[in-house]
Amino acid sequence: MSDVPKKHRLLKRGNMFYHHRRVPPHLVDALGKKVVKVSLGMGNLSKATQYQRC
């Protein structure tokens, strides 16, 4: 298995980075969505990667 890149689960839209994660199948009905996206509030890749790890 290859190494996972540092930007795993990061999505950039415009100038902002988002952390996105798939919802487990048994929780999709309760949550009402298949993917959860949370804004990290920053546009810098290195800072977003560090923030995501916390």
Protein backbone atom coordinates (compact mmCIF):
# COMPACT_ATOMS: atom_id res chain seq x y z
CA MET A 1 0.00 0.00 0.00
CA SER A 2 1.37 3.40 -0.90
CA ASP A 3 1.74 6.30 1.52
CA VAL A 4 -1.29 8.54 1.90
CA PRO A 5 -0.51 12.10 0.79
CA LYS A 6 -0.49 14.82 3.45
CA LYS A 7 -3.44 16.53 1.78
CA HIS A 8 -5.66 13.45 2.15
CA ARG A 9 -9.32 14.44 2.71
CA LEU A 10 -8.60 18.08 1.80
CA LEU A 11 -10.68 19.81 -0.84
CA LYS A 12 -9.98 23.28 -2.20
CA ARG A 13 -12.88 25.43 -3.37
CA GLY A 14 -11.87 28.87 -4.50
CA ASN A 15 -9.29 30.05 -1.96
CA MET A 16 -10.53 27.96 0.98
CA PHE A 17 -9.69 24.43 2.06
CA TYR A 18 -12.33 22.03 3.34
CA HIS A 19 -11.99 18.78 5.23
CA HIS A 20 -14.36 16.22 3.73
CA ARG A 21 -15.27 12.81 5.06
CA ARG A 22 -17.69 10.14 3.94
CA VAL A 23 -20.50 9.30 6.39
CA PRO A 24 -20.77 5.60 7.38
CA PRO A 25 -23.68 3.91 5.57
CA HIS A 26 -25.63 3.21 8.77
CA LEU A 27 -25.64 6.96 9.65
CA VAL A 28 -26.60 8.40 6.24
CA ASP A 29 -30.35 8.29 6.97
CA ALA A 30 -29.94 9.96 10.37
CA LEU A 31 -27.59 12.68 9.07
CA GLY A 32 -29.29 13.17 5.71
CA LYS A 33 -26.09 13.34 3.67
CA LYS A 34 -23.38 11.01 2.38
CA VAL A 35 -20.45 13.42 2.78
CA VAL A 36 -19.64 15.98 5.49
CA LYS A 37 -17.58 19.02 4.47
CA VAL A 38 -16.17 21.43 7.05
CA SER A 39 -14.41 24.66 6.15
CA LEU A 40 -10.94 24.94 7.67
CA GLY A 41 -11.13 28.73 7.27
CA MET A 42 -7.80 29.06 5.51
CA GLY A 43 -6.33 29.07 2.03
CA ASN A 44 -2.77 28.04 2.87
CA LEU A 45 -2.13 24.34 2.11
CA SER A 46 0.58 23.82 4.74
CA LYS A 47 -1.50 25.42 7.50
CA ALA A 48 -4.65 23.56 6.42
CA THR A 49 -2.74 20.27 6.54
CA GLN A 50 -1.46 21.02 10.05
CA TYR A 51 -4.91 22.14 11.23
CA GLN A 52 -6.51 19.02 9.78
CA ARG A 53 -4.21 16.76 11.80
CA CYS A 54 -5.30 18.31 15.13
